[in-house]
Amino acid sequence: VLLRVLLIIQQLLQENKHASKRDIYYMHPTIFT
């Protein structure tokens, strides 16, 4: 689960986008449930 989140963050960084934890939570709520 944590690895999936890290991969998402890495992808966002590669796309030069800034995403807060809240943004990631709303984008992928199933990861945190």
N, C-alpha and C. Protein backbone atom coordinates (compact mmCIF):
# COMPACT_ATOMS: atom_id res chain seq x y z
N VAL A 1 0.84 -1.20 0.00
CA VAL A 1 0.00 0.00 0.00
C VAL A 1 0.88 1.25 0.00
N LEU A 2 1.83 1.28 0.92
CA LEU A 2 2.71 2.45 0.99
C LEU A 2 3.52 2.60 -0.29
N LEU A 3 3.96 1.47 -0.83
CA LEU A 3 4.74 1.51 -2.06
C LEU A 3 3.92 2.12 -3.19
N ARG A 4 2.63 1.79 -3.23
CA ARG A 4 1.76 2.34 -4.28
C ARG A 4 1.67 3.85 -4.16
N VAL A 5 1.56 4.32 -2.92
CA VAL A 5 1.50 5.77 -2.71
C VAL A 5 2.79 6.44 -3.15
N LEU A 6 3.91 5.81 -2.81
CA LEU A 6 5.21 6.38 -3.20
C LEU A 6 5.35 6.42 -4.71
N LEU A 7 4.85 5.40 -5.38
CA LEU A 7 4.92 5.38 -6.84
C LEU A 7 4.07 6.50 -7.43
N ILE A 8 2.93 6.75 -6.83
CA ILE A 8 2.06 7.83 -7.31
C ILE A 8 2.76 9.18 -7.12
N ILE A 9 3.36 9.35 -5.95
CA ILE A 9 4.07 10.61 -5.68
C ILE A 9 5.22 10.79 -6.65
N GLN A 10 5.94 9.71 -6.90
CA GLN A 10 7.07 9.79 -7.84
C GLN A 10 6.58 10.19 -9.23
N GLN A 11 5.45 9.62 -9.64
CA GLN A 11 4.92 9.94 -10.96
C GLN A 11 4.53 11.41 -11.03
N LEU A 12 3.92 11.91 -9.96
CA LEU A 12 3.52 13.31 -9.95
C LEU A 12 4.74 14.22 -10.00
N LEU A 13 5.80 13.84 -9.29
CA LEU A 13 7.01 14.65 -9.30
C LEU A 13 7.64 14.66 -10.69
N GLN A 14 7.59 13.53 -11.36
CA GLN A 14 8.15 13.45 -12.70
C GLN A 14 7.37 14.33 -13.67
N GLU A 15 6.09 14.51 -13.38
CA GLU A 15 5.26 15.34 -14.25
C GLU A 15 5.30 16.80 -13.81
N ASN A 16 6.19 17.08 -12.84
CA ASN A 16 6.35 18.45 -12.33
C ASN A 16 5.05 19.01 -11.79
N LYS A 17 4.31 18.15 -11.10
CA LYS A 17 3.07 18.61 -10.47
C LYS A 17 3.24 18.54 -8.97
N HIS A 18 2.55 19.42 -8.26
CA HIS A 18 2.61 19.39 -6.81
C HIS A 18 1.29 18.85 -6.29
N ALA A 19 1.38 17.83 -5.48
CA ALA A 19 0.17 17.22 -4.93
C ALA A 19 0.34 17.05 -3.43
N SER A 20 -0.59 17.59 -2.70
CA SER A 20 -0.55 17.42 -1.26
C SER A 20 -1.13 16.06 -0.89
N LYS A 21 -0.98 15.69 0.37
CA LYS A 21 -1.53 14.41 0.82
C LYS A 21 -3.04 14.39 0.62
N ARG A 22 -3.68 15.54 0.79
CA ARG A 22 -5.13 15.60 0.62
C ARG A 22 -5.50 15.33 -0.83
N ASP A 23 -4.74 15.89 -1.76
CA ASP A 23 -5.02 15.67 -3.18
C ASP A 23 -4.88 14.20 -3.52
N ILE A 24 -3.81 13.58 -3.01
CA ILE A 24 -3.60 12.16 -3.30
C ILE A 24 -4.72 11.34 -2.68
N TYR A 25 -5.18 11.75 -1.49
CA TYR A 25 -6.25 11.01 -0.82
C TYR A 25 -7.52 11.05 -1.67
N TYR A 26 -7.84 12.21 -2.21
CA TYR A 26 -9.06 12.33 -3.00
C TYR A 26 -8.92 11.65 -4.35
N MET A 27 -7.70 11.60 -4.85
CA MET A 27 -7.48 10.94 -6.14
C MET A 27 -7.57 9.43 -6.01
N HIS A 28 -7.10 8.90 -4.86
CA HIS A 28 -7.06 7.45 -4.67
C HIS A 28 -7.54 7.10 -3.27
N PRO A 29 -8.83 7.30 -3.00
CA PRO A 29 -9.35 7.05 -1.64
C PRO A 29 -9.28 5.59 -1.23
N THR A 30 -9.30 4.68 -2.21
CA THR A 30 -9.33 3.26 -1.88
C THR A 30 -8.02 2.81 -1.25
N ILE A 31 -6.93 3.54 -1.49
CA ILE A 31 -5.65 3.15 -0.92
C ILE A 31 -5.68 3.30 0.59
N PHE A 32 -6.43 4.29 1.07
CA PHE A 32 -6.39 4.61 2.49
C PHE A 32 -7.53 3.98 3.27
N THR A 33 -8.33 3.17 2.60
CA THR A 33 -9.46 2.55 3.29
C THR A 33 -9.19 1.09 3.55
